[in-house]
C-alpha atoms as a PDB file:
ATOM      1  CA  MET A   1     171.459 156.773 299.723  1.00  0.00           C
ATOM      2  CA  ASP A   2     173.772 157.538 302.624  1.00  0.00           C
ATOM      3  CA  LYS A   3     176.770 159.524 301.356  1.00  0.00           C
ATOM      4  CA  PHE A   4     179.284 157.201 303.045  1.00  0.00           C
ATOM      5  CA  VAL A   5     177.725 154.096 301.473  1.00  0.00           C
ATOM      6  CA  GLU A   6     177.639 155.871 298.107  1.00  0.00           C
ATOM      7  CA  LEU A   7     181.340 156.691 298.440  1.00  0.00           C
ATOM      8  CA  LEU A   8     182.180 153.064 299.249  1.00  0.00           C
ATOM      9  CA  LEU A   9     180.226 151.809 296.225  1.00  0.00           C
ATOM     10  CA  LYS A  10     182.031 154.259 293.960  1.00  0.00           C
ATOM     11  CA  THR A  11     185.298 153.239 295.595  1.00  0.00           C
ATOM     12  CA  ILE A  12     184.641 149.609 294.661  1.00  0.00           C
ATOM     13  CA  VAL A  13     184.046 150.607 291.044  1.00  0.00           C
ATOM     14  CA  MET A  14     187.254 152.649 290.956  1.00  0.00           C
ATOM     15  CA  GLY A  15     189.209 149.763 292.511  1.00  0.00           C
ATOM     16  CA  ILE A  16     187.833 147.386 289.879  1.00  0.00           C
ATOM     17  CA  VAL A  17     188.843 149.771 287.100  1.00  0.00           C
ATOM     18  CA  GLU A  18     192.374 150.111 288.499  1.00  0.00           C
ATOM     19  CA  GLY A  19     192.783 146.353 288.897  1.00  0.00           C
ATOM     20  CA  LEU A  20     191.403 145.679 285.415  1.00  0.00           C
ATOM     21  CA  THR A  21     193.491 148.223 283.545  1.00  0.00           C
ATOM     22  CA  GLU A  22     196.817 148.598 285.374  1.00  0.00           C
ATOM     23  CA  PHE A  23     198.562 145.709 283.626  1.00  0.00           C
ATOM     24  CA  LEU A  24     196.653 145.660 280.343  1.00  0.00           C
ATOM     25  CA  PRO A  25     198.112 147.874 277.570  1.00  0.00           C
ATOM     26  CA  ILE A  26     195.099 150.204 277.586  1.00  0.00           C
ATOM     27  CA  SER A  27     196.029 152.904 280.148  1.00  0.00           C
ATOM     28  CA  SER A  28     194.631 152.829 283.663  1.00  0.00           C
ATOM     29  CA  THR A  29     194.912 156.636 283.683  1.00  0.00           C
ATOM     30  CA  GLY A  30     192.458 157.068 280.825  1.00  0.00           C
ATOM     31  CA  HIS A  31     189.935 154.706 282.339  1.00  0.00           C
ATOM     32  CA  LEU A  32     190.130 156.272 285.802  1.00  0.00           C
ATOM     33  CA  ILE A  33     189.602 159.723 284.298  1.00  0.00           C
ATOM     34  CA  ILE A  34     186.484 158.600 282.414  1.00  0.00           C
ATOM     35  CA  VAL A  35     184.975 156.495 285.186  1.00  0.00           C
ATOM     36  CA  GLY A  36     185.857 159.044 287.864  1.00  0.00           C
ATOM     37  CA  GLY A  37     184.151 161.744 285.826  1.00  0.00           C
ATOM     38  CA  VAL A  38     181.019 159.688 285.255  1.00  0.00           C
ATOM     39  CA  LEU A  39     180.797 158.820 288.957  1.00  0.00           C
ATOM     40  CA  GLN A  40     181.644 162.402 290.021  1.00  0.00           C
ATOM     41  CA  PHE A  41     184.166 160.786 292.323  1.00  0.00           C
ATOM     42  CA  ASP A  42     185.871 164.098 293.147  1.00  0.00           C
ATOM     43  CA  ALA A  43     182.714 165.427 294.768  1.00  0.00           C
ATOM     44  CA  SER A  44     181.999 162.171 296.615  1.00  0.00           C
ATOM     45  CA  ILE A  45     185.427 161.826 298.197  1.00  0.00           C
ATOM     46  CA  GLY A  46     185.740 165.524 298.984  1.00  0.00           C
ATOM     47  CA  SER A  47     188.079 167.201 296.493  1.00  0.00           C
ATOM     48  CA  LYS A  48     189.999 166.698 293.262  1.00  0.00           C
ATOM     49  CA  ALA A  49     193.283 166.622 295.188  1.00  0.00           C
ATOM     50  CA  LEU A  50     192.011 163.793 297.389  1.00  0.00           C
ATOM     51  CA  ALA A  51     190.630 161.920 294.366  1.00  0.00           C
ATOM     52  CA  ASP A  52     194.025 162.210 292.639  1.00  0.00           C
ATOM     53  CA  THR A  53     195.770 160.852 295.738  1.00  0.00           C
ATOM     54  CA  PHE A  54     193.239 158.015 295.903  1.00  0.00           C
ATOM     55  CA  GLU A  55     194.035 156.991 292.322  1.00  0.00           C
ATOM     56  CA  VAL A  56     197.724 156.860 293.189  1.00  0.00           C
ATOM     57  CA  PHE A  57     197.179 155.060 296.488  1.00  0.00           C
ATOM     58  CA  ILE A  58     195.092 152.194 295.092  1.00  0.00           C
ATOM     59  CA  GLN A  59     197.958 151.302 292.766  1.00  0.00           C
ATOM     60  CA  LEU A  60     199.453 149.727 295.887  1.00  0.00           C
ATOM     61  CA  GLY A  61     196.879 146.958 295.490  1.00  0.00           C
ATOM     62  CA  ALA A  62     198.113 146.201 291.968  1.00  0.00           C
ATOM     63  CA  ILE A  63     201.732 146.331 293.144  1.00  0.00           C
ATOM     64  CA  ILE A  64     201.079 143.829 295.924  1.00  0.00           C
ATOM     65  CA  ALA A  65     199.209 141.614 293.441  1.00  0.00           C
ATOM     66  CA  VAL A  66     202.102 141.390 290.976  1.00  0.00           C
ATOM     67  CA  MET A  67     204.636 140.865 293.764  1.00  0.00           C
ATOM     68  CA  LEU A  68     202.553 138.063 295.270  1.00  0.00           C
ATOM     69  CA  TYR A  69     201.785 136.427 291.914  1.00  0.00           C
ATOM     70  CA  PHE A  70     205.457 136.242 290.928  1.00  0.00           C
ATOM     71  CA  ALA A  71     206.839 135.761 294.447  1.00  0.00           C
ATOM     72  CA  ARG A  72     207.935 132.155 293.905  1.00  0.00           C
ATOM     73  CA  ASP A  73     209.601 132.955 290.559  1.00  0.00           C
ATOM     74  CA  LEU A  74     211.340 136.018 291.952  1.00  0.00           C
ATOM     75  CA  ILE A  75     212.615 134.208 295.039  1.00  0.00           C
ATOM     76  CA  SER A  76     213.948 131.432 292.798  1.00  0.00           C
ATOM     77  CA  LEU A  77     215.580 134.013 290.532  1.00  0.00           C
ATOM     78  CA  LEU A  78     217.311 135.711 293.464  1.00  0.00           C
ATOM     79  CA  LYS A  79     218.577 132.374 294.773  1.00  0.00           C
ATOM     80  CA  ARG A  80     219.898 131.362 291.354  1.00  0.00           C
ATOM     81  CA  ALA A  81     221.600 134.724 290.932  1.00  0.00           C
ATOM     82  CA  ARG A  82     224.201 133.703 293.527  1.00  0.00           C
ATOM     83  CA  SER A  83     225.876 131.473 290.954  1.00  0.00           C
ATOM     84  CA  ASP A  84     223.836 131.529 287.724  1.00  0.00           C
ATOM     85  CA  LYS A  85     225.105 134.123 285.238  1.00  0.00           C
ATOM     86  CA  SER A  86     221.863 134.135 283.252  1.00  0.00           C
ATOM     87  CA  ALA A  87     219.898 134.989 286.411  1.00  0.00           C
ATOM     88  CA  GLN A  88     222.408 137.720 287.246  1.00  0.00           C
ATOM     89  CA  ARG A  89     222.104 139.085 283.714  1.00  0.00           C
ATOM     90  CA  LEU A  90     218.299 139.201 283.953  1.00  0.00           C
ATOM     91  CA  LEU A  91     218.364 141.082 287.264  1.00  0.00           C
ATOM     92  CA  ILE A  92     220.841 143.571 285.830  1.00  0.00           C
ATOM     93  CA  ALA A  93     218.633 143.970 282.747  1.00  0.00           C
ATOM     94  CA  VAL A  94     215.616 144.774 284.935  1.00  0.00           C
ATOM     95  CA  ALA A  95     217.673 147.260 286.965  1.00  0.00           C
ATOM     96  CA  VAL A  96     218.971 148.939 283.816  1.00  0.00           C
ATOM     97  CA  ALA A  97     215.453 149.072 282.356  1.00  0.00           C
ATOM     98  CA  PHE A  98     214.218 150.857 285.483  1.00  0.00           C
ATOM     99  CA  VAL A  99     216.704 153.730 285.292  1.00  0.00           C
ATOM    100  CA  PRO A 100     215.759 155.812 282.192  1.00  0.00           C
ATOM    101  CA  ALA A 101     212.109 156.462 283.084  1.00  0.00           C
ATOM    102  CA  ALA A 102     213.014 156.942 286.749  1.00  0.00           C
ATOM    103  CA  ILE A 103     215.486 159.729 285.938  1.00  0.00           C
ATOM    104  CA  ILE A 104     213.246 161.462 283.393  1.00  0.00           C
ATOM    105  CA  GLY A 105     210.233 161.057 285.678  1.00  0.00           C
ATOM    106  CA  VAL A 106     211.930 162.789 288.617  1.00  0.00           C
ATOM    107  CA  LEU A 107     213.195 165.615 286.405  1.00  0.00           C
ATOM    108  CA  LEU A 108     209.948 166.259 284.545  1.00  0.00           C
ATOM    109  CA  ASN A 109     207.246 165.113 286.970  1.00  0.00           C
ATOM    110  CA  ASN A 110     205.913 168.584 287.754  1.00  0.00           C
ATOM    111  CA  LEU A 111     205.852 169.617 284.092  1.00  0.00           C
ATOM    112  CA  ILE A 112     204.064 166.403 283.122  1.00  0.00           C
ATOM    113  CA  ASP A 113     201.404 166.917 285.800  1.00  0.00           C
ATOM    114  CA  LYS A 114     200.941 170.556 284.803  1.00  0.00           C
ATOM    115  CA  TYR A 115     200.845 170.337 281.007  1.00  0.00           C
ATOM    116  CA  LEU A 116     200.079 166.742 279.970  1.00  0.00           C
ATOM    117  CA  PHE A 117     197.640 165.440 282.576  1.00  0.00           C
ATOM    118  CA  SER A 118     194.303 166.207 280.915  1.00  0.00           C
ATOM    119  CA  PRO A 119     191.580 164.012 279.373  1.00  0.00           C
ATOM    120  CA  PHE A 120     192.325 165.450 275.922  1.00  0.00           C
ATOM    121  CA  THR A 121     196.058 164.684 275.995  1.00  0.00           C
ATOM    122  CA  VAL A 122     195.345 161.225 277.435  1.00  0.00           C
ATOM    123  CA  GLY A 123     193.008 160.598 274.485  1.00  0.00           C
ATOM    124  CA  ILE A 124     195.755 161.578 272.049  1.00  0.00           C
ATOM    125  CA  ALA A 125     198.203 159.254 273.811  1.00  0.00           C
ATOM    126  CA  LEU A 126     195.728 156.382 273.618  1.00  0.00           C
ATOM    127  CA  VAL A 127     195.388 156.836 269.866  1.00  0.00           C
ATOM    128  CA  VAL A 128     199.121 157.236 269.253  1.00  0.00           C
ATOM    129  CA  GLY A 129     199.890 154.180 271.392  1.00  0.00           C
ATOM    130  CA  GLY A 130     197.241 152.151 269.579  1.00  0.00           C
ATOM    131  CA  VAL A 131     198.732 152.997 266.178  1.00  0.00           C
ATOM    132  CA  ILE A 132     202.220 152.078 267.403  1.00  0.00           C
ATOM    133  CA  MET A 133     200.950 148.747 268.721  1.00  0.00           C
ATOM    134  CA  LEU A 134     199.335 147.913 265.363  1.00  0.00           C
ATOM    135  CA  LEU A 135     202.521 148.797 263.466  1.00  0.00           C
ATOM    136  CA  VAL A 136     204.723 146.771 265.806  1.00  0.00           C
ATOM    137  CA  GLU A 137     202.382 143.784 265.655  1.00  0.00           C
ATOM    138  CA  ARG A 138     202.568 143.919 261.857  1.00  0.00           C
ATOM    139  CA  TRP A 139     206.363 144.036 261.998  1.00  0.00           C
ATOM    140  CA  VAL A 140     206.511 141.153 264.485  1.00  0.00           C
ATOM    141  CA  GLN A 141     204.862 138.865 261.917  1.00  0.00           C
ATOM    142  CA  THR A 142     207.967 139.123 259.712  1.00  0.00           C
ATOM    143  CA  ARG A 143     210.494 138.460 262.474  1.00  0.00           C
ATOM    144  CA  LYS A 144     212.348 135.187 262.872  1.00  0.00           C
ATOM    145  CA  GLN A 145     213.701 133.454 265.988  1.00  0.00           C
ATOM    146  CA  PRO A 146     212.574 135.790 268.763  1.00  0.00           C
ATOM    147  CA  ILE A 147     213.887 135.436 272.311  1.00  0.00           C
ATOM    148  CA  THR A 148     211.556 133.043 274.119  1.00  0.00           C
ATOM    149  CA  THR A 149     213.022 132.872 277.631  1.00  0.00           C
ATOM    150  CA  LEU A 150     213.866 135.546 280.189  1.00  0.00           C
ATOM    151  CA  ASP A 151     217.272 133.963 280.794  1.00  0.00           C
ATOM    152  CA  ARG A 152     218.362 135.202 277.358  1.00  0.00           C
ATOM    153  CA  VAL A 153     217.486 138.851 278.030  1.00  0.00           C
ATOM    154  CA  ASP A 154     220.674 140.901 278.306  1.00  0.00           C
ATOM    155  CA  LEU A 155     221.689 144.437 279.285  1.00  0.00           C
ATOM    156  CA  LYS A 156     221.204 145.836 275.758  1.00  0.00           C
ATOM    157  CA  GLN A 157     217.633 144.587 275.588  1.00  0.00           C
ATOM    158  CA  GLY A 158     216.929 145.780 279.110  1.00  0.00           C
ATOM    159  CA  LEU A 159     218.158 149.253 278.182  1.00  0.00           C
ATOM    160  CA  GLY A 160     215.991 149.273 275.059  1.00  0.00           C
ATOM    161  CA  ILE A 161     212.906 148.369 277.067  1.00  0.00           C
ATOM    162  CA  GLY A 162     213.836 150.991 279.659  1.00  0.00           C
ATOM    163  CA  ILE A 163     214.056 153.667 276.977  1.00  0.00           C
ATOM    164  CA  ALA A 164     210.672 152.552 275.643  1.00  0.00           C
ATOM    165  CA  GLN A 165     209.247 152.871 279.155  1.00  0.00           C
ATOM    166  CA  ILE A 166     209.961 156.615 279.051  1.00  0.00           C
ATOM    167  CA  ALA A 167     206.931 156.905 276.746  1.00  0.00           C
ATOM    168  CA  SER A 168     204.733 155.769 279.642  1.00  0.00           C
ATOM    169  CA  LEU A 169     205.473 159.043 281.445  1.00  0.00           C
ATOM    170  CA  PHE A 170     203.067 160.651 278.955  1.00  0.00           C
ATOM    171  CA  PRO A 171     199.681 160.019 280.591  1.00  0.00           C
ATOM    172  CA  GLY A 172     197.634 157.605 278.516  1.00  0.00           C
ATOM    173  CA  MET A 173     200.518 155.823 276.788  1.00  0.00           C
ATOM    174  CA  SER A 174     200.401 153.019 279.399  1.00  0.00           C
ATOM    175  CA  ARG A 175     203.421 151.590 281.182  1.00  0.00           C
ATOM    176  CA  SER A 176     202.383 148.078 280.176  1.00  0.00           C
ATOM    177  CA  ALA A 177     201.985 148.966 276.494  1.00  0.00           C
ATOM    178  CA  SER A 178     205.282 150.864 276.379  1.00  0.00           C
ATOM    179  CA  THR A 179     207.336 148.069 277.934  1.00  0.00           C
ATOM    180  CA  ILE A 180     205.689 145.234 276.008  1.00  0.00           C
ATOM    181  CA  VAL A 181     206.174 147.073 272.715  1.00  0.00           C
ATOM    182  CA  GLY A 182     209.738 147.846 273.771  1.00  0.00           C
ATOM    183  CA  GLY A 183     210.306 144.156 274.456  1.00  0.00           C
ATOM    184  CA  LEU A 184     208.932 143.176 271.055  1.00  0.00           C
ATOM    185  CA  LEU A 185     211.158 145.735 269.313  1.00  0.00           C
ATOM    186  CA  MET A 186     214.179 144.385 271.205  1.00  0.00           C
ATOM    187  CA  GLY A 187     213.568 140.855 269.902  1.00  0.00           C
ATOM    188  CA  LEU A 188     211.510 139.228 272.672  1.00  0.00           C
ATOM    189  CA  ASP A 189     208.411 137.218 271.865  1.00  0.00           C
ATOM    190  CA  ARG A 190     205.107 138.408 273.358  1.00  0.00           C
ATOM    191  CA  SER A 191     205.085 136.114 276.389  1.00  0.00           C
ATOM    192  CA  THR A 192     208.680 136.941 277.315  1.00  0.00           C
ATOM    193  CA  ALA A 193     208.119 140.666 276.755  1.00  0.00           C
ATOM    194  CA  LEU A 194     205.044 140.530 278.986  1.00  0.00           C
ATOM    195  CA  ARG A 195     206.808 138.639 281.753  1.00  0.00           C
ATOM    196  CA  PHE A 196     209.720 141.083 281.650  1.00  0.00           C
ATOM    197  CA  SER A 197     207.174 143.917 281.779  1.00  0.00           C
ATOM    198  CA  PHE A 198     205.674 142.420 284.931  1.00  0.00           C
ATOM    199  CA  TYR A 199     209.093 142.081 286.565  1.00  0.00           C
ATOM    200  CA  LEU A 200     209.970 145.658 285.628  1.00  0.00           C
ATOM    201  CA  SER A 201     206.622 146.904 286.944  1.00  0.00           C
ATOM    202  CA  ILE A 202     207.618 146.075 290.521  1.00  0.00           C
ATOM    203  CA  PRO A 203     210.487 148.556 291.021  1.00  0.00           C
ATOM    204  CA  THR A 204     208.877 151.070 288.640  1.00  0.00           C
ATOM    205  CA  MET A 205     205.457 151.125 290.296  1.00  0.00           C
ATOM    206  CA  VAL A 206     206.849 150.994 293.824  1.00  0.00           C
ATOM    207  CA  ALA A 207     209.131 153.957 293.161  1.00  0.00           C
ATOM    208  CA  ALA A 208     206.541 156.009 291.242  1.00  0.00           C
ATOM    209  CA  THR A 209     203.732 155.360 293.722  1.00  0.00           C
ATOM    210  CA  LEU A 210     205.803 156.091 296.822  1.00  0.00           C
ATOM    211  CA  TYR A 211     207.270 159.212 295.193  1.00  0.00           C
ATOM    212  CA  LYS A 212     203.803 160.611 294.502  1.00  0.00           C
ATOM    213  CA  LEU A 213     202.379 159.552 297.853  1.00  0.00           C
ATOM    214  CA  VAL A 214     205.165 161.311 299.758  1.00  0.00           C
ATOM    215  CA  LYS A 215     204.143 164.513 297.959  1.00  0.00           C
ATOM    216  CA  GLU A 216     200.392 164.042 298.368  1.00  0.00           C
ATOM    217  CA  ILE A 217     199.905 162.040 301.569  1.00  0.00           C
ATOM    218  CA  SER A 218     198.939 165.188 303.469  1.00  0.00           C
ATOM    219  CA  THR A 219     195.674 165.368 301.505  1.00  0.00           C
ATOM    220  CA  ILE A 220     194.378 162.155 303.145  1.00  0.00           C
ATOM    221  CA  HIS A 221     192.112 162.777 306.129  1.00  0.00           C
ATOM    222  CA  GLY A 222     190.588 160.300 308.583  1.00  0.00           C
ATOM    223  CA  SER A 223     187.143 160.028 307.019  1.00  0.00           C
ATOM    224  CA  ALA A 224     188.686 158.993 303.684  1.00  0.00           C
ATOM    225  CA  VAL A 225     190.753 156.123 305.124  1.00  0.00           C
ATOM    226  CA  PRO A 226     188.017 153.445 304.677  1.00  0.00           C
ATOM    227  CA  ALA A 227     187.671 154.382 300.992  1.00  0.00           C
ATOM    228  CA  PHE A 228     191.431 154.244 300.452  1.00  0.00           C
ATOM    229  CA  ALA A 229     191.658 150.848 302.171  1.00  0.00           C
ATOM    230  CA  LEU A 230     188.683 149.372 300.297  1.00  0.00           C
ATOM    231  CA  GLY A 231     189.913 150.645 296.925  1.00  0.00           C
ATOM    232  CA  THR A 232     193.322 149.095 297.512  1.00  0.00           C
ATOM    233  CA  VAL A 233     191.867 145.694 298.475  1.00  0.00           C
ATOM    234  CA  VAL A 234     189.547 145.641 295.448  1.00  0.00           C
ATOM    235  CA  SER A 235     192.385 146.682 293.143  1.00  0.00           C
ATOM    236  CA  PHE A 236     194.532 143.857 294.535  1.00  0.00           C
ATOM    237  CA  ALA A 237     191.848 141.187 294.098  1.00  0.00           C
ATOM    238  CA  VAL A 238     191.006 142.174 290.528  1.00  0.00           C
ATOM    239  CA  ALA A 239     194.665 142.605 289.505  1.00  0.00           C
ATOM    240  CA  ILE A 240     195.519 139.062 290.632  1.00  0.00           C
ATOM    241  CA  VAL A 241     192.867 137.678 288.281  1.00  0.00           C
ATOM    242  CA  ILE A 242     193.914 139.931 285.395  1.00  0.00           C
ATOM    243  CA  ILE A 243     197.616 139.029 285.688  1.00  0.00           C
ATOM    244  CA  LYS A 244     196.839 135.324 285.347  1.00  0.00           C
ATOM    245  CA  TRP A 245     194.380 135.895 282.505  1.00  0.00           C
ATOM    246  CA  PHE A 246     196.672 138.209 280.550  1.00  0.00           C
ATOM    247  CA  LEU A 247     199.616 135.807 280.720  1.00  0.00           C
ATOM    248  CA  GLY A 248     197.394 133.069 279.297  1.00  0.00           C
ATOM    249  CA  TYR A 249     195.937 135.362 276.639  1.00  0.00           C
ATOM    250  CA  VAL A 250     199.293 136.597 275.337  1.00  0.00           C
ATOM    251  CA  ALA A 251     200.590 133.030 275.083  1.00  0.00           C
ATOM    252  CA  LYS A 252     198.020 132.401 272.316  1.00  0.00           C
ATOM    253  CA  HIS A 253     197.004 135.790 270.883  1.00  0.00           C
ATOM    254  CA  ASP A 254     198.468 139.067 269.657  1.00  0.00           C
ATOM    255  CA  LEU A 255     197.820 142.557 271.029  1.00  0.00           C
ATOM    256  CA  ARG A 256     195.779 143.986 268.158  1.00  0.00           C
ATOM    257  CA  PRO A 257     192.415 143.852 269.986  1.00  0.00           C
ATOM    258  CA  PHE A 258     193.887 146.081 272.695  1.00  0.00           C
ATOM    259  CA  ALA A 259     195.237 148.462 270.054  1.00  0.00           C
ATOM    260  CA  TRP A 260     191.806 148.816 268.400  1.00  0.00           C
ATOM    261  CA  TYR A 261     190.228 149.334 271.811  1.00  0.00           C
ATOM    262  CA  ARG A 262     192.747 152.110 272.538  1.00  0.00           C
ATOM    263  CA  LEU A 263     191.904 153.799 269.253  1.00  0.00           C
ATOM    264  CA  ALA A 264     188.173 153.729 270.030  1.00  0.00           C
ATOM    265  CA  LEU A 265     188.588 154.953 273.617  1.00  0.00           C
ATOM    266  CA  GLY A 266     191.085 157.618 272.598  1.00  0.00           C
ATOM    267  CA  ALA A 267     188.794 158.911 269.863  1.00  0.00           C
ATOM    268  CA  LEU A 268     185.950 159.099 272.385  1.00  0.00           C
ATOM    269  CA  MET A 269     188.054 161.055 274.873  1.00  0.00           C
ATOM    270  CA  ILE A 270     189.274 163.456 272.179  1.00  0.00           C
ATOM    271  CA  ALA A 271     185.689 164.054 271.046  1.00  0.00           C
ATOM    272  CA  LEU A 272     184.464 164.601 274.605  1.00  0.00           C
ATOM    273  CA  TYR A 273     187.269 166.795 275.850  1.00  0.00           C
ATOM    274  CA  ILE A 274     188.653 168.620 272.809  1.00  0.00           C
ATOM    275  CA  PRO A 275     189.315 172.260 273.751  1.00  0.00           C
ATOM    276  CA  LEU A 276     186.883 174.424 271.787  1.00  0.00           C
ATOM    277  CA  PRO A 277     187.519 178.108 270.997  1.00  0.00           C
ATOM    278  CA  ARG A 278     185.429 180.480 273.042  1.00  0.00           C
END
């Protein structure tokens, strides 16, 4: 098979994985590590540095997908915020929720990349996150009168979700899982927590992706541009479908299946990549 065609086929697979996993509480990082390793994507695209930049770049597809999917709601929210205090309060809550992880991320980004970004540590994070999700789901069953609309989310709850989002800086914890669990702990029902998580994902993902791309954009060379473009388009198309599906799923089901999946995947990654004494 021609090497360029092979690269494009692998690019499609990686774009599908990104689109499938970015907004589900199962860690896109863990899945990209596993699939990228199986496909030997580093070798196909040219280097590990370029493969890492590719994984960051194709997140743009997921970002565009969530912005487009919620465009009408967000435009309506911004219009209402001119005079509607509940809309103003929600926007402030999202802004407040963005700040904690943004500050910690800028301060610790290099240390996180150096010491925590490995398949083994991602596996541990998957397991820990899965256990937390199961415990929170059990606690949620005993709760009464959760918040069922975004208009009732206030600054305190936004801050709580923002603090929870700090956990997502640990590769494998999942931004989606961290913010949804944070929303549940702050009194939101699943659907409201998920919708808030989607709203919060826009400034968070835009800032994180652009921050990393500014640092790594120099690794992209001309021959890799088609792969980057194709991966982004595929990621966008798949993410649009997943956003709609996940909103419908959470309206009727809990998150325990995702937690059990995390535990299984995390255990597999730990078994495959555990550092053995020499």
